[in-house]
Amino acid sequence: MKILLIEDDVRQVQFAQQTLSGHELFVCGCKHEAQKYFKASYCGCELLQPFDLMVTDLFLPARSDPGYKPSYIIGLDLFEAGLRLFAQDMIKGVALISNFEHHVNDSEVDDDCRSRVGTVQKLTQIFGKRVFCDEDNQLRVMKSSPKSWNALTLFDVHVDNYTHVLSPQGELMPKAKVYKQFGSMKAAKTEGFSLAKLFKFVVNGLLQD
């Protein structure tokens, strides 16, 4: 499968390349780089370069230049574009991988971001597509959608369900070892550790009929 991966964390990209080695990855670190693959408009999306699946982060910059800070809005923009591509049967699936409940409770997330989440929910209703919600999904606004993988996924899993973390150097470590060393993920994050995203799990889910 050809997978468009939009992720600005180099460690997560390397982890994705390892776990998705059987697929062809097209990696973009910002919205500007991703736009060479598709063109989004109010009426829909146009595919400029072919790919089968789209997997995007939530917290992303518009451009890779140092002056552009990551924003939650960028990830939602890209997810909406992916929804449009999926609704037009141009791609087989789209996933937003993020512990979104954590972001929703974050003071940095403003009202505009919250309203955009509602827009994503409305799009899925208009397009008649189903959104998979894991049993541990914390994203309240998506709870009304029927529970099914179906090719369209908003992947949001509770922090306790992640099994591994990435060190500042990109080393994969079991979460249990990190808790034993630091006592909590919050303490480990101050040392530069981050959760290892479950790319393989999500992609396999997207490919299920």
C-alpha atoms as a PDB file:
ATOM      1  CA  MET A   1       0.000   0.000   0.000  1.00  0.00           C
ATOM      2  CA  LYS A   2       1.065   3.574  -0.651  1.00  0.00           C
ATOM      3  CA  ILE A   3       0.692   5.523   2.588  1.00  0.00           C
ATOM      4  CA  LEU A   4       0.882   9.301   2.953  1.00  0.00           C
ATOM      5  CA  LEU A   5       2.279   9.920   6.447  1.00  0.00           C
ATOM      6  CA  ILE A   6       2.102  13.491   7.753  1.00  0.00           C
ATOM      7  CA  GLU A   7       4.246  13.648  10.889  1.00  0.00           C
ATOM      8  CA  ASP A   8       6.829  16.216  12.024  1.00  0.00           C
ATOM      9  CA  ASP A   9       8.429  14.164  14.826  1.00  0.00           C
ATOM     10  CA  VAL A  10      11.486  12.441  13.319  1.00  0.00           C
ATOM     11  CA  ARG A  11      11.387   9.706  15.959  1.00  0.00           C
ATOM     12  CA  GLN A  12       7.776   8.834  15.119  1.00  0.00           C
ATOM     13  CA  VAL A  13       8.624   8.808  11.406  1.00  0.00           C
ATOM     14  CA  GLN A  14      11.503   6.398  11.984  1.00  0.00           C
ATOM     15  CA  PHE A  15       9.255   4.186  14.106  1.00  0.00           C
ATOM     16  CA  ALA A  16       6.600   4.216  11.358  1.00  0.00           C
ATOM     17  CA  GLN A  17       9.204   3.257   8.762  1.00  0.00           C
ATOM     18  CA  GLN A  18      10.233   0.300  10.910  1.00  0.00           C
ATOM     19  CA  THR A  19       6.741  -0.955  11.719  1.00  0.00           C
ATOM     20  CA  LEU A  20       5.316  -0.314   8.228  1.00  0.00           C
ATOM     21  CA  SER A  21       8.290  -1.644   6.264  1.00  0.00           C
ATOM     22  CA  GLY A  22       5.998  -3.692   4.034  1.00  0.00           C
ATOM     23  CA  HIS A  23       4.325  -0.543   2.687  1.00  0.00           C
ATOM     24  CA  GLU A  24       5.509   2.384   0.562  1.00  0.00           C
ATOM     25  CA  LEU A  25       5.630   5.516   2.733  1.00  0.00           C
ATOM     26  CA  PHE A  26       5.450   9.107   1.492  1.00  0.00           C
ATOM     27  CA  VAL A  27       6.510  11.251   4.462  1.00  0.00           C
ATOM     28  CA  CYS A  28       5.571  14.921   4.916  1.00  0.00           C
ATOM     29  CA  GLY A  29       6.493  17.031   7.917  1.00  0.00           C
ATOM     30  CA  CYS A  30       4.041  19.915   7.370  1.00  0.00           C
ATOM     31  CA  LYS A  31       0.879  20.976   5.571  1.00  0.00           C
ATOM     32  CA  HIS A  32       2.821  22.620   2.737  1.00  0.00           C
ATOM     33  CA  GLU A  33       4.669  19.392   1.905  1.00  0.00           C
ATOM     34  CA  ALA A  34       1.441  17.372   2.050  1.00  0.00           C
ATOM     35  CA  GLN A  35      -0.274  19.660  -0.443  1.00  0.00           C
ATOM     36  CA  LYS A  36       1.861  18.362  -3.297  1.00  0.00           C
ATOM     37  CA  TYR A  37      -0.177  15.143  -3.016  1.00  0.00           C
ATOM     38  CA  PHE A  38      -3.663  16.661  -2.971  1.00  0.00           C
ATOM     39  CA  LYS A  39      -5.511  19.934  -3.439  1.00  0.00           C
ATOM     40  CA  ALA A  40      -8.385  20.651  -1.076  1.00  0.00           C
ATOM     41  CA  SER A  41     -11.298  22.997  -1.776  1.00  0.00           C
ATOM     42  CA  TYR A  42     -14.722  23.717  -0.311  1.00  0.00           C
ATOM     43  CA  CYS A  43     -16.349  21.388  -2.854  1.00  0.00           C
ATOM     44  CA  GLY A  44     -13.976  18.473  -2.408  1.00  0.00           C
ATOM     45  CA  CYS A  45     -10.424  17.305  -3.010  1.00  0.00           C
ATOM     46  CA  GLU A  46      -8.282  16.611  -6.041  1.00  0.00           C
ATOM     47  CA  LEU A  47      -5.628  13.899  -5.875  1.00  0.00           C
ATOM     48  CA  LEU A  48      -2.382  15.200  -7.400  1.00  0.00           C
ATOM     49  CA  GLN A  49      -0.229  12.131  -6.683  1.00  0.00           C
ATOM     50  CA  PRO A  50      -1.712   8.668  -5.997  1.00  0.00           C
ATOM     51  CA  PHE A  51      -1.710   7.068  -2.543  1.00  0.00           C
ATOM     52  CA  ASP A  52      -3.999   4.549  -0.819  1.00  0.00           C
ATOM     53  CA  LEU A  53      -4.058   5.583   2.842  1.00  0.00           C
ATOM     54  CA  MET A  54      -3.508   8.856   4.684  1.00  0.00           C
ATOM     55  CA  VAL A  55      -2.244   8.962   8.272  1.00  0.00           C
ATOM     56  CA  THR A  56      -1.771  12.342   9.910  1.00  0.00           C
ATOM     57  CA  ASP A  57      -0.674  13.805  13.215  1.00  0.00           C
ATOM     58  CA  LEU A  58      -2.776  16.470  14.904  1.00  0.00           C
ATOM     59  CA  PHE A  59      -0.176  18.986  16.106  1.00  0.00           C
ATOM     60  CA  LEU A  60       1.581  20.108  12.882  1.00  0.00           C
ATOM     61  CA  PRO A  61       3.229  23.214  11.355  1.00  0.00           C
ATOM     62  CA  ALA A  62       2.029  24.846   8.139  1.00  0.00           C
ATOM     63  CA  ARG A  63       5.609  24.833   6.823  1.00  0.00           C
ATOM     64  CA  SER A  64       8.854  23.229   7.930  1.00  0.00           C
ATOM     65  CA  ASP A  65      10.602  26.596   8.318  1.00  0.00           C
ATOM     66  CA  PRO A  66      11.591  27.450  11.935  1.00  0.00           C
ATOM     67  CA  GLY A  67       9.250  30.452  11.992  1.00  0.00           C
ATOM     68  CA  TYR A  68       6.137  28.276  11.675  1.00  0.00           C
ATOM     69  CA  LYS A  69       4.871  26.853  14.963  1.00  0.00           C
ATOM     70  CA  PRO A  70       2.808  23.621  15.089  1.00  0.00           C
ATOM     71  CA  SER A  71      -0.947  24.048  15.464  1.00  0.00           C
ATOM     72  CA  TYR A  72      -3.873  21.741  16.229  1.00  0.00           C
ATOM     73  CA  ILE A  73      -5.801  23.434  13.435  1.00  0.00           C
ATOM     74  CA  ILE A  74      -3.345  22.170  10.806  1.00  0.00           C
ATOM     75  CA  GLY A  75      -3.962  18.538  11.729  1.00  0.00           C
ATOM     76  CA  LEU A  76      -7.722  19.060  11.609  1.00  0.00           C
ATOM     77  CA  ASP A  77      -7.402  20.747   8.195  1.00  0.00           C
ATOM     78  CA  LEU A  78      -5.509  17.750   6.855  1.00  0.00           C
ATOM     79  CA  PHE A  79      -7.916  15.255   8.417  1.00  0.00           C
ATOM     80  CA  GLU A  80     -10.854  17.062   6.823  1.00  0.00           C
ATOM     81  CA  ALA A  81      -9.083  16.895   3.463  1.00  0.00           C
ATOM     82  CA  GLY A  82      -8.539  13.180   3.985  1.00  0.00           C
ATOM     83  CA  LEU A  83     -12.239  12.743   4.763  1.00  0.00           C
ATOM     84  CA  ARG A  84     -13.106  14.429   1.482  1.00  0.00           C
ATOM     85  CA  LEU A  85     -10.697  12.195  -0.454  1.00  0.00           C
ATOM     86  CA  PHE A  86     -12.219   9.135   1.216  1.00  0.00           C
ATOM     87  CA  ALA A  87     -15.776  10.327   0.576  1.00  0.00           C
ATOM     88  CA  GLN A  88     -14.923  10.739  -3.112  1.00  0.00           C
ATOM     89  CA  ASP A  89     -13.491   7.179  -3.190  1.00  0.00           C
ATOM     90  CA  MET A  90     -10.043   8.502  -4.052  1.00  0.00           C
ATOM     91  CA  ILE A  91      -8.315   6.766  -1.117  1.00  0.00           C
ATOM     92  CA  LYS A  92      -9.088   3.620   0.888  1.00  0.00           C
ATOM     93  CA  GLY A  93      -8.787   5.158   4.359  1.00  0.00           C
ATOM     94  CA  VAL A  94      -7.734   8.089   6.527  1.00  0.00           C
ATOM     95  CA  ALA A  95      -6.591   8.171  10.149  1.00  0.00           C
ATOM     96  CA  LEU A  96      -5.777  10.887  12.649  1.00  0.00           C
ATOM     97  CA  ILE A  97      -3.461   9.409  15.278  1.00  0.00           C
ATOM     98  CA  SER A  98      -3.379  11.380  18.485  1.00  0.00           C
ATOM     99  CA  ASN A  99      -4.338  11.121  22.119  1.00  0.00           C
ATOM    100  CA  PHE A 100      -6.934  13.769  21.421  1.00  0.00           C
ATOM    101  CA  GLU A 101      -8.653  13.704  24.798  1.00  0.00           C
ATOM    102  CA  HIS A 102      -5.384  14.954  26.261  1.00  0.00           C
ATOM    103  CA  HIS A 103      -5.354  17.798  23.745  1.00  0.00           C
ATOM    104  CA  VAL A 104      -8.999  18.696  24.339  1.00  0.00           C
ATOM    105  CA  ASN A 105      -8.241  19.142  28.029  1.00  0.00           C
ATOM    106  CA  ASP A 106      -5.177  21.222  27.236  1.00  0.00           C
ATOM    107  CA  SER A 107      -5.551  24.966  27.808  1.00  0.00           C
ATOM    108  CA  GLU A 108      -3.760  25.628  24.505  1.00  0.00           C
ATOM    109  CA  VAL A 109      -6.681  24.231  22.520  1.00  0.00           C
ATOM    110  CA  ASP A 110      -8.944  27.144  21.698  1.00  0.00           C
ATOM    111  CA  ASP A 111     -12.638  27.341  20.794  1.00  0.00           C
ATOM    112  CA  ASP A 112     -11.867  27.388  17.081  1.00  0.00           C
ATOM    113  CA  CYS A 113     -10.199  23.998  17.361  1.00  0.00           C
ATOM    114  CA  ARG A 114     -13.144  22.570  19.283  1.00  0.00           C
ATOM    115  CA  SER A 115     -15.578  23.835  16.651  1.00  0.00           C
ATOM    116  CA  ARG A 116     -13.478  22.240  13.920  1.00  0.00           C
ATOM    117  CA  VAL A 117     -13.810  18.867  15.626  1.00  0.00           C
ATOM    118  CA  GLY A 118     -17.557  19.342  15.330  1.00  0.00           C
ATOM    119  CA  THR A 119     -17.075  20.083  11.628  1.00  0.00           C
ATOM    120  CA  VAL A 120     -15.270  16.773  11.172  1.00  0.00           C
ATOM    121  CA  GLN A 121     -18.181  14.989  12.843  1.00  0.00           C
ATOM    122  CA  LYS A 122     -20.637  16.784  10.563  1.00  0.00           C
ATOM    123  CA  LEU A 123     -18.631  15.764   7.486  1.00  0.00           C
ATOM    124  CA  THR A 124     -18.838  12.097   8.429  1.00  0.00           C
ATOM    125  CA  GLN A 125     -22.601  12.420   8.811  1.00  0.00           C
ATOM    126  CA  ILE A 126     -23.011  14.181   5.461  1.00  0.00           C
ATOM    127  CA  PHE A 127     -20.844  11.664   3.641  1.00  0.00           C
ATOM    128  CA  GLY A 128     -22.645   8.751   5.273  1.00  0.00           C
ATOM    129  CA  LYS A 129     -19.374   7.155   6.327  1.00  0.00           C
ATOM    130  CA  ARG A 130     -18.765   5.419   9.619  1.00  0.00           C
ATOM    131  CA  VAL A 131     -16.053   6.283  12.087  1.00  0.00           C
ATOM    132  CA  PHE A 132     -14.341   3.646  14.191  1.00  0.00           C
ATOM    133  CA  CYS A 133     -14.207   4.408  17.893  1.00  0.00           C
ATOM    134  CA  ASP A 134     -12.043   2.129  19.988  1.00  0.00           C
ATOM    135  CA  GLU A 135     -13.596   0.980  23.263  1.00  0.00           C
ATOM    136  CA  ASP A 136     -11.065   3.170  25.053  1.00  0.00           C
ATOM    137  CA  ASN A 137     -11.688   6.149  22.800  1.00  0.00           C
ATOM    138  CA  GLN A 138     -12.004   9.321  24.859  1.00  0.00           C
ATOM    139  CA  LEU A 139     -13.189  11.666  22.114  1.00  0.00           C
ATOM    140  CA  ARG A 140     -16.732  12.438  23.225  1.00  0.00           C
ATOM    141  CA  VAL A 141     -17.930  14.183  20.060  1.00  0.00           C
ATOM    142  CA  MET A 142     -17.362  11.045  17.982  1.00  0.00           C
ATOM    143  CA  LYS A 143     -19.244   8.692  20.323  1.00  0.00           C
ATOM    144  CA  SER A 144     -22.507   8.977  18.383  1.00  0.00           C
ATOM    145  CA  SER A 145     -20.953   7.420  15.271  1.00  0.00           C
ATOM    146  CA  PRO A 146     -21.526   3.686  14.662  1.00  0.00           C
ATOM    147  CA  LYS A 147     -18.659   1.531  15.836  1.00  0.00           C
ATOM    148  CA  SER A 148     -16.832   0.053  12.853  1.00  0.00           C
ATOM    149  CA  TRP A 149     -13.391   0.127  11.259  1.00  0.00           C
ATOM    150  CA  ASN A 150     -14.834   0.520   7.730  1.00  0.00           C
ATOM    151  CA  ALA A 151     -11.799   2.377   6.246  1.00  0.00           C
ATOM    152  CA  LEU A 152     -12.256   5.626   8.100  1.00  0.00           C
ATOM    153  CA  THR A 153     -10.616   5.985  11.493  1.00  0.00           C
ATOM    154  CA  LEU A 154     -10.231   8.666  14.090  1.00  0.00           C
ATOM    155  CA  PHE A 155      -7.728   6.856  16.279  1.00  0.00           C
ATOM    156  CA  ASP A 156      -7.650   8.103  19.821  1.00  0.00           C
ATOM    157  CA  VAL A 157      -6.459   5.836  22.596  1.00  0.00           C
ATOM    158  CA  HIS A 158      -5.988   6.446  26.301  1.00  0.00           C
ATOM    159  CA  VAL A 159      -2.404   6.992  27.386  1.00  0.00           C
ATOM    160  CA  ASP A 160      -2.453   3.846  29.541  1.00  0.00           C
ATOM    161  CA  ASN A 161      -3.007   1.647  26.474  1.00  0.00           C
ATOM    162  CA  TYR A 162       0.263   2.553  24.766  1.00  0.00           C
ATOM    163  CA  THR A 163       2.872  -0.180  25.251  1.00  0.00           C
ATOM    164  CA  HIS A 164       6.134   1.592  24.295  1.00  0.00           C
ATOM    165  CA  VAL A 165       7.714   5.023  24.334  1.00  0.00           C
ATOM    166  CA  LEU A 166      10.439   6.710  22.308  1.00  0.00           C
ATOM    167  CA  SER A 167      13.459   8.193  24.049  1.00  0.00           C
ATOM    168  CA  PRO A 168      14.935  11.572  22.977  1.00  0.00           C
ATOM    169  CA  GLN A 169      17.372   9.564  20.828  1.00  0.00           C
ATOM    170  CA  GLY A 170      14.573   7.548  19.227  1.00  0.00           C
ATOM    171  CA  GLU A 171      15.183   4.374  21.222  1.00  0.00           C
ATOM    172  CA  LEU A 172      12.091   2.196  21.666  1.00  0.00           C
ATOM    173  CA  MET A 173      11.490   1.344  25.321  1.00  0.00           C
ATOM    174  CA  PRO A 174       8.700  -0.604  27.080  1.00  0.00           C
ATOM    175  CA  LYS A 175       6.433   1.769  28.951  1.00  0.00           C
ATOM    176  CA  ALA A 176       6.808  -0.329  32.106  1.00  0.00           C
ATOM    177  CA  LYS A 177      10.544   0.389  32.133  1.00  0.00           C
ATOM    178  CA  VAL A 178       9.904   4.115  31.794  1.00  0.00           C
ATOM    179  CA  TYR A 179       7.409   4.105  34.682  1.00  0.00           C
ATOM    180  CA  LYS A 180       9.898   2.198  36.803  1.00  0.00           C
ATOM    181  CA  GLN A 181      12.624   4.734  36.047  1.00  0.00           C
ATOM    182  CA  PHE A 182      10.608   7.976  36.155  1.00  0.00           C
ATOM    183  CA  GLY A 183       7.426   7.096  38.045  1.00  0.00           C
ATOM    184  CA  SER A 184       5.056   8.599  35.465  1.00  0.00           C
ATOM    185  CA  MET A 185       4.797   9.581  31.803  1.00  0.00           C
ATOM    186  CA  LYS A 186       4.517  13.231  32.817  1.00  0.00           C
ATOM    187  CA  ALA A 187       7.939  13.010  34.460  1.00  0.00           C
ATOM    188  CA  ALA A 188       9.352  11.124  31.472  1.00  0.00           C
ATOM    189  CA  LYS A 189       8.038  13.762  29.070  1.00  0.00           C
ATOM    190  CA  THR A 190      10.124  16.416  30.847  1.00  0.00           C
ATOM    191  CA  GLU A 191      13.117  14.274  29.875  1.00  0.00           C
ATOM    192  CA  GLY A 192      12.061  14.204  26.229  1.00  0.00           C
ATOM    193  CA  PHE A 193      10.234  10.857  26.089  1.00  0.00           C
ATOM    194  CA  SER A 194       7.052  10.453  24.018  1.00  0.00           C
ATOM    195  CA  LEU A 195       4.489   7.715  23.355  1.00  0.00           C
ATOM    196  CA  ALA A 196       5.251   5.460  20.391  1.00  0.00           C
ATOM    197  CA  LYS A 197       2.270   5.740  18.039  1.00  0.00           C
ATOM    198  CA  LEU A 198       0.609   2.471  17.058  1.00  0.00           C
ATOM    199  CA  PHE A 199       0.980   2.941  13.285  1.00  0.00           C
ATOM    200  CA  LYS A 200       0.802  -0.760  12.390  1.00  0.00           C
ATOM    201  CA  PHE A 201      -2.363  -1.285  14.440  1.00  0.00           C
ATOM    202  CA  VAL A 202      -4.071   1.662  12.762  1.00  0.00           C
ATOM    203  CA  VAL A 203      -3.020   0.760   9.217  1.00  0.00           C
ATOM    204  CA  ASN A 204      -4.122  -2.847   9.669  1.00  0.00           C
ATOM    205  CA  GLY A 205      -7.462  -1.527  10.900  1.00  0.00           C
ATOM    206  CA  LEU A 206      -7.857   0.686   7.849  1.00  0.00           C
ATOM    207  CA  LEU A 207      -7.201  -2.254   5.552  1.00  0.00           C
ATOM    208  CA  GLN A 208      -9.892  -4.443   7.112  1.00  0.00           C
ATOM    209  CA  ASP A 209     -13.105  -4.788   5.152  1.00  0.00           C
END
